[in-house]
Amino acid sequence: MADLSGVYLISFLVLLGNAALVALFRSRSWRIPIVFAICFTGANFVWVVTVAIFGTPASRSESTRPPWCSPMSVSLPIAGHYAEKYFEELPRLYRKAAEAGVDWVIFPEAQNPYLFQTDSEFRAFWQRQVRTAGVPLLLNVASIEPPPSTRYFNSAYLLEGGEAVSYRYDKIHLVPFGEYVPMAEWLAFATPLVQEVGGFHPGREYVLGQVSGVRFATLICFEGIFPELARDFVRSGAEVLVNITNDTWYGVTAAPMQHFQFGAFRAIEQRRPLLRCANSGYRSVYSRVGEWINMFLVGVALLGLFFPRRRRSGVAASSV
């Protein structure tokens, strides 16, 4: 049902069913429970008729499970100085993935102190790594807009070995009180309480990247919970959705699993494969019908992707 109605109708049906049960036991009149029961039954009848006419996602496609290769998984709980992370440990993992013969490597979202445009050592180092290995890299790093505006963005870059950047996406839907302070001019009194909040600005464009002839869109962190954002990317031509995320904020709670499950809805709603790379929580590949393929609970991981050589319709993945 989610691919036809989205998560909102499913949420409504769950609410309606529970409300009908509550009304059945609490109402003194039978009218209210009967109305709820009729609405609930009617909604399910519409769903059955819709499936009978249009079929399920599985019946509308030749294969719901892409021809993805068996993954190899290596997770590394990165700790210590940022220089150690980005100039030693992550490059080692990247080279390991490249040596395995992958076609694409994806790093998760992770906070770091680097600015891609101005930190020339950081930029040159990773461009050299990609040029040597010959494997494209999707990397999360902050961007800055030059003066006089001097605005900062939470960005995803695709590095392919050349000096020029082939793809940059600036996160559109920022986390309030996490990446920016809403109505900051009115909440100046709260500044001492939010010293750790980032001062990012939202991106303005739905930018697509391309690797091995496959067009992809990046959803950064909790952008993956918004159906309308994924829909706009797909309308722009995205064939694959990529969700890079930093779930360390949640700690040992149910939130990482809840965040992970949103990915299945986005894949089903848009009928597109979704690749999820997390630096904590759950990393997985979803088929176009929301199947969880090769799900892992990780500390820090990256994804290495194999693309099928004879077909452009799917994306094959191996996780590293």
Protein backbone atom coordinates (compact mmCIF):
# COMPACT_ATOMS: atom_id res chain seq x y z
CA MET A 1 0.00 0.00 0.00
CA ALA A 2 2.83 2.40 0.78
CA ASP A 3 3.88 2.70 -2.86
CA LEU A 4 0.40 3.95 -3.77
CA SER A 5 -0.55 6.01 -0.73
CA GLY A 6 2.66 6.69 1.14
CA VAL A 7 3.28 6.44 4.85
CA TYR A 8 0.54 8.94 5.66
CA LEU A 9 -2.42 6.71 4.72
CA ILE A 10 -0.87 3.77 6.53
CA SER A 11 -0.45 5.92 9.64
CA PHE A 12 -4.07 7.05 9.28
CA LEU A 13 -5.31 3.45 9.05
CA VAL A 14 -3.34 2.45 12.14
CA LEU A 15 -4.78 5.43 14.01
CA LEU A 16 -8.28 4.68 12.72
CA GLY A 17 -8.12 1.04 13.78
CA ASN A 18 -6.92 1.91 17.27
CA ALA A 19 -9.51 4.66 17.60
CA ALA A 20 -12.23 2.17 16.64
CA LEU A 21 -11.10 -0.19 19.40
CA VAL A 22 -11.01 2.62 21.97
CA ALA A 23 -14.46 3.83 20.89
CA LEU A 24 -15.81 0.28 21.11
CA PHE A 25 -14.90 -0.05 24.78
CA ARG A 26 -15.39 3.53 25.97
CA SER A 27 -18.40 4.79 24.06
CA ARG A 28 -21.87 4.39 25.55
CA SER A 29 -23.38 4.47 22.11
CA TRP A 30 -22.82 1.97 19.33
CA ARG A 31 -22.96 4.65 16.68
CA ILE A 32 -19.40 5.91 17.03
CA PRO A 33 -17.76 2.43 16.98
CA ILE A 34 -19.88 1.48 13.98
CA VAL A 35 -18.80 4.61 12.08
CA PHE A 36 -15.14 3.88 12.83
CA ALA A 37 -15.54 0.24 11.83
CA ILE A 38 -17.22 1.19 8.54
CA CYS A 39 -14.47 3.70 7.72
CA PHE A 40 -11.74 1.19 8.56
CA THR A 41 -13.38 -1.57 6.53
CA GLY A 42 -14.00 0.81 3.64
CA ALA A 43 -10.38 1.95 3.55
CA ASN A 44 -9.17 -1.66 3.46
CA PHE A 45 -11.69 -2.45 0.73
CA VAL A 46 -10.31 0.41 -1.36
CA TRP A 47 -6.82 -0.97 -0.84
CA VAL A 48 -7.85 -4.47 -1.95
CA VAL A 49 -9.53 -3.09 -5.07
CA THR A 50 -6.50 -0.93 -5.86
CA VAL A 51 -4.15 -3.88 -5.57
CA ALA A 52 -6.47 -5.97 -7.74
CA ILE A 53 -6.40 -3.29 -10.46
CA PHE A 54 -2.80 -2.09 -10.31
CA GLY A 55 -1.10 -5.09 -8.72
CA THR A 56 1.60 -5.09 -6.05
CA PRO A 57 5.07 -3.62 -6.60
CA ALA A 58 6.40 -7.15 -6.93
CA SER A 59 3.99 -7.97 -9.75
CA ARG A 60 4.75 -4.70 -11.55
CA SER A 61 8.46 -5.38 -11.87
CA GLU A 62 10.47 -8.18 -13.36
CA SER A 63 12.56 -8.51 -10.24
CA THR A 64 12.05 -6.86 -6.86
CA ARG A 65 15.46 -7.93 -5.60
CA PRO A 66 18.32 -6.31 -7.54
CA PRO A 67 21.21 -8.52 -8.59
CA TRP A 68 23.36 -7.29 -5.71
CA CYS A 69 26.53 -9.12 -4.88
CA SER A 70 27.12 -10.74 -1.51
CA PRO A 71 28.63 -8.11 0.79
CA MET A 72 31.73 -8.19 2.87
CA SER A 73 31.43 -6.14 6.04
CA VAL A 74 34.19 -4.33 7.89
CA SER A 75 33.23 -1.91 10.65
CA LEU A 76 35.65 0.27 12.56
CA PRO A 77 34.71 2.21 15.71
CA ILE A 78 36.67 5.34 14.88
CA ALA A 79 37.87 7.37 17.85
CA GLY A 80 40.55 9.94 18.43
CA HIS A 81 41.70 13.01 16.56
CA TYR A 82 40.03 14.01 13.27
CA ALA A 83 43.37 13.88 11.47
CA GLU A 84 43.73 10.24 12.44
CA LYS A 85 40.23 9.48 11.20
CA TYR A 86 40.38 11.25 7.85
CA PHE A 87 44.05 10.86 6.94
CA GLU A 88 44.76 7.33 8.22
CA GLU A 89 41.82 5.11 9.14
CA LEU A 90 39.23 6.06 6.52
CA PRO A 91 41.81 6.09 3.68
CA ARG A 92 42.82 2.56 4.71
CA LEU A 93 39.20 1.40 4.51
CA TYR A 94 38.73 3.20 1.21
CA ARG A 95 41.77 1.47 -0.31
CA LYS A 96 40.53 -1.87 1.01
CA ALA A 97 37.21 -1.35 -0.76
CA ALA A 98 38.94 -0.25 -3.96
CA GLU A 99 41.19 -3.32 -3.92
CA ALA A 100 38.06 -5.48 -3.65
CA GLY A 101 37.03 -4.16 -7.07
CA VAL A 102 34.04 -2.02 -6.13
CA ASP A 103 32.71 0.66 -8.47
CA TRP A 104 31.71 3.19 -5.84
CA VAL A 105 32.52 3.92 -2.19
CA ILE A 106 30.18 5.85 0.12
CA PHE A 107 31.24 7.38 3.42
CA PRO A 108 28.57 8.04 6.07
CA GLU A 109 27.63 11.46 7.34
CA ALA A 110 29.97 12.49 10.16
CA GLN A 111 30.84 15.76 11.79
CA ASN A 112 34.33 17.02 10.97
CA PRO A 113 36.15 20.36 11.09
CA TYR A 114 37.06 20.53 7.39
CA LEU A 115 35.75 22.87 4.71
CA PHE A 116 36.11 21.43 1.22
CA GLN A 117 36.78 24.72 -0.58
CA THR A 118 39.26 26.24 1.88
CA ASP A 119 41.07 23.23 3.40
CA SER A 120 43.37 22.61 0.46
CA GLU A 121 45.37 19.87 2.20
CA PHE A 122 42.21 17.88 2.99
CA ARG A 123 40.81 18.39 -0.53
CA ALA A 124 44.05 17.50 -2.31
CA PHE A 125 44.59 14.44 -0.12
CA TRP A 126 41.23 12.87 -0.96
CA GLN A 127 41.39 13.82 -4.62
CA ARG A 128 44.77 12.07 -4.76
CA GLN A 129 43.34 8.99 -3.01
CA VAL A 130 40.49 8.77 -5.51
CA ARG A 131 42.75 9.45 -8.50
CA THR A 132 45.12 6.67 -7.42
CA ALA A 133 42.42 4.09 -6.67
CA GLY A 134 40.19 5.04 -9.60
CA VAL A 135 37.00 4.49 -7.57
CA PRO A 136 34.47 7.34 -7.10
CA LEU A 137 33.89 8.43 -3.50
CA LEU A 138 30.80 10.06 -1.97
CA LEU A 139 32.05 12.15 0.94
CA ASN A 140 30.29 14.28 3.55
CA VAL A 141 32.03 17.55 4.39
CA ALA A 142 30.98 21.13 5.09
CA SER A 143 30.96 23.78 2.37
CA ILE A 144 31.30 27.53 2.60
CA GLU A 145 29.96 30.25 0.36
CA PRO A 146 32.57 32.97 -0.16
CA PRO A 147 32.14 36.51 1.22
CA PRO A 148 30.18 38.66 1.51
CA SER A 149 27.54 36.02 2.42
CA THR A 150 29.87 33.49 4.13
CA ARG A 151 27.20 30.83 4.54
CA TYR A 152 27.93 27.26 5.58
CA PHE A 153 26.29 24.10 4.19
CA ASN A 154 26.20 20.42 5.15
CA SER A 155 27.24 18.91 1.83
CA ALA A 156 27.86 15.66 -0.01
CA TYR A 157 30.61 15.59 -2.66
CA LEU A 158 31.29 13.02 -5.34
CA LEU A 159 35.02 12.78 -6.05
CA GLU A 160 36.07 11.02 -9.24
CA GLY A 161 39.79 11.74 -9.41
CA GLY A 162 39.81 15.00 -11.33
CA GLU A 163 40.47 18.46 -9.98
CA ALA A 164 36.88 19.52 -10.66
CA VAL A 165 34.06 18.23 -8.44
CA SER A 166 31.43 16.42 -10.49
CA TYR A 167 28.69 16.58 -7.86
CA ARG A 168 27.83 18.59 -4.80
CA TYR A 169 24.57 18.49 -2.89
CA ASP A 170 23.79 20.85 -0.01
CA LYS A 171 21.40 19.49 2.59
CA ILE A 172 17.99 21.10 2.12
CA HIS A 173 16.12 20.01 5.25
CA LEU A 174 18.26 20.90 8.27
CA VAL A 175 17.75 19.66 11.83
CA PRO A 176 16.31 22.45 14.00
CA PHE A 177 18.38 23.12 17.13
CA GLY A 178 20.95 20.66 15.75
CA GLU A 179 22.20 22.28 12.54
CA TYR A 180 20.58 25.68 12.94
CA VAL A 181 18.54 27.70 15.43
CA PRO A 182 15.06 28.56 14.14
CA MET A 183 14.17 32.25 14.47
CA ALA A 184 17.65 32.93 15.83
CA GLU A 185 17.02 36.67 15.93
CA TRP A 186 14.13 36.08 18.33
CA LEU A 187 15.90 33.44 20.42
CA ALA A 188 19.10 35.33 21.20
CA PHE A 189 18.48 34.75 24.90
CA ALA A 190 18.89 30.99 24.28
CA THR A 191 22.35 31.32 22.70
CA PRO A 192 24.23 30.11 25.81
CA LEU A 193 22.10 26.95 25.77
CA VAL A 194 22.85 26.04 22.16
CA GLN A 195 26.59 26.62 21.83
CA GLU A 196 27.01 23.23 20.11
CA VAL A 197 24.38 23.93 17.43
CA GLY A 198 25.74 24.26 13.90
CA GLY A 199 25.17 27.42 11.89
CA PHE A 200 24.28 25.80 8.57
CA HIS A 201 22.08 27.24 5.84
CA PRO A 202 19.70 25.06 3.80
CA GLY A 203 20.54 24.09 0.25
CA ARG A 204 18.31 25.29 -2.58
CA GLU A 205 18.67 22.76 -5.41
CA TYR A 206 17.71 19.12 -5.97
CA VAL A 207 21.03 18.03 -7.45
CA LEU A 208 21.60 14.57 -8.95
CA GLY A 209 24.89 12.74 -9.32
CA GLN A 210 25.85 9.94 -11.67
CA VAL A 211 28.08 6.90 -11.22
CA SER A 212 28.48 4.18 -13.87
CA GLY A 213 25.54 5.61 -15.78
CA VAL A 214 23.19 5.45 -12.77
CA ARG A 215 21.67 8.71 -11.54
CA PHE A 216 21.44 9.02 -7.76
CA ALA A 217 20.19 11.47 -5.15
CA THR A 218 21.60 11.94 -1.66
CA LEU A 219 19.45 12.24 1.45
CA ILE A 220 21.59 13.48 4.32
CA CYS A 221 20.67 12.17 7.77
CA PHE A 222 17.06 12.83 8.75
CA GLU A 223 16.15 14.01 5.24
CA GLY A 224 15.35 10.32 4.79
CA ILE A 225 12.21 10.65 6.91
CA PHE A 226 10.49 13.09 4.53
CA PRO A 227 8.57 11.43 1.66
CA GLU A 228 8.16 14.67 -0.26
CA LEU A 229 11.93 15.22 -0.44
CA ALA A 230 12.57 11.77 -1.88
CA ARG A 231 9.66 12.27 -4.28
CA ASP A 232 11.10 15.52 -5.62
CA PHE A 233 14.45 13.85 -6.24
CA VAL A 234 12.80 10.97 -8.11
CA ARG A 235 10.77 13.43 -10.18
CA SER A 236 14.08 15.06 -11.08
CA GLY A 237 15.28 11.73 -12.46
CA ALA A 238 16.95 9.85 -9.57
CA GLU A 239 17.22 6.10 -10.20
CA VAL A 240 18.76 5.31 -6.82
CA LEU A 241 18.41 7.01 -3.41
CA VAL A 242 21.40 7.22 -1.08
CA ASN A 243 20.95 7.99 2.61
CA ILE A 244 24.12 8.92 4.50
CA THR A 245 23.53 9.46 8.18
CA ASN A 246 25.09 10.03 11.59
CA ASP A 247 23.02 8.23 14.22
CA THR A 248 25.48 8.54 17.10
CA TRP A 249 23.23 11.21 18.64
CA TYR A 250 20.64 8.55 19.52
CA GLY A 251 22.88 6.42 21.70
CA VAL A 252 21.60 3.02 22.78
CA THR A 253 17.89 3.65 22.17
CA ALA A 254 15.15 2.52 19.81
CA ALA A 255 15.72 5.61 17.63
CA PRO A 256 18.40 4.10 15.32
CA MET A 257 16.05 1.25 14.36
CA GLN A 258 13.14 3.66 13.87
CA HIS A 259 15.31 5.86 11.66
CA PHE A 260 16.44 2.77 9.76
CA GLN A 261 12.86 1.65 9.09
CA PHE A 262 12.03 4.95 7.39
CA GLY A 263 14.35 3.88 4.58
CA ALA A 264 12.07 0.98 3.69
CA PHE A 265 9.14 3.36 3.28
CA ARG A 266 11.12 5.71 1.02
CA ALA A 267 12.17 2.79 -1.20
CA ILE A 268 8.61 1.46 -1.46
CA GLU A 269 6.98 4.84 -2.00
CA GLN A 270 9.36 5.86 -4.78
CA ARG A 271 9.93 2.32 -6.18
CA ARG A 272 13.65 2.93 -6.12
CA PRO A 273 16.53 1.06 -4.45
CA LEU A 274 17.89 2.87 -1.42
CA LEU A 275 21.43 2.60 -0.06
CA ARG A 276 21.87 3.51 3.59
CA CYS A 277 25.33 4.21 5.02
CA ALA A 278 25.52 5.06 8.73
CA ASN A 279 28.43 5.79 11.01
CA SER A 280 26.43 4.32 13.89
CA GLY A 281 23.20 2.36 13.99
CA TYR A 282 22.12 0.33 10.99
CA ARG A 283 23.51 0.13 7.48
CA SER A 284 21.64 -1.64 4.71
CA VAL A 285 20.55 -1.83 1.10
CA TYR A 286 16.81 -1.74 0.37
CA SER A 287 15.21 -3.16 -2.73
CA ARG A 288 12.51 -1.21 -4.53
CA VAL A 289 9.86 -3.02 -2.46
CA GLY A 290 11.54 -2.26 0.85
CA GLU A 291 13.34 -5.57 1.42
CA TRP A 292 16.26 -5.21 3.80
CA ILE A 293 19.26 -6.69 2.05
CA ASN A 294 22.42 -7.24 4.07
CA MET A 295 21.49 -5.24 7.17
CA PHE A 296 24.26 -4.69 9.71
CA LEU A 297 24.48 -2.95 13.07
CA VAL A 298 27.74 -1.04 12.86
CA GLY A 299 29.99 1.37 14.66
CA VAL A 300 31.48 3.06 11.62
CA ALA A 301 31.25 1.63 8.14
CA LEU A 302 31.36 2.59 4.52
CA LEU A 303 29.65 1.14 1.49
CA GLY A 304 31.47 -0.21 -1.52
CA LEU A 305 29.20 -0.77 -4.51
CA PHE A 306 29.45 -3.13 -7.43
CA PHE A 307 27.48 -2.14 -10.53
CA PRO A 308 26.23 -4.80 -12.95
CA ARG A 309 28.12 -4.61 -16.23
CA ARG A 310 25.31 -5.64 -18.56
CA ARG A 311 22.29 -3.92 -17.02
CA ARG A 312 21.70 -0.29 -16.16
CA SER A 313 18.37 -0.95 -14.47
CA GLY A 314 19.81 -1.86 -11.09
CA VAL A 315 22.65 -1.09 -8.75
CA ALA A 316 24.70 -3.91 -7.31
CA ALA A 317 26.23 -3.36 -3.89
CA SER A 318 28.91 -4.70 -1.66
CA SER A 319 29.34 -3.14 1.76
CA VAL A 320 32.69 -2.48 3.27
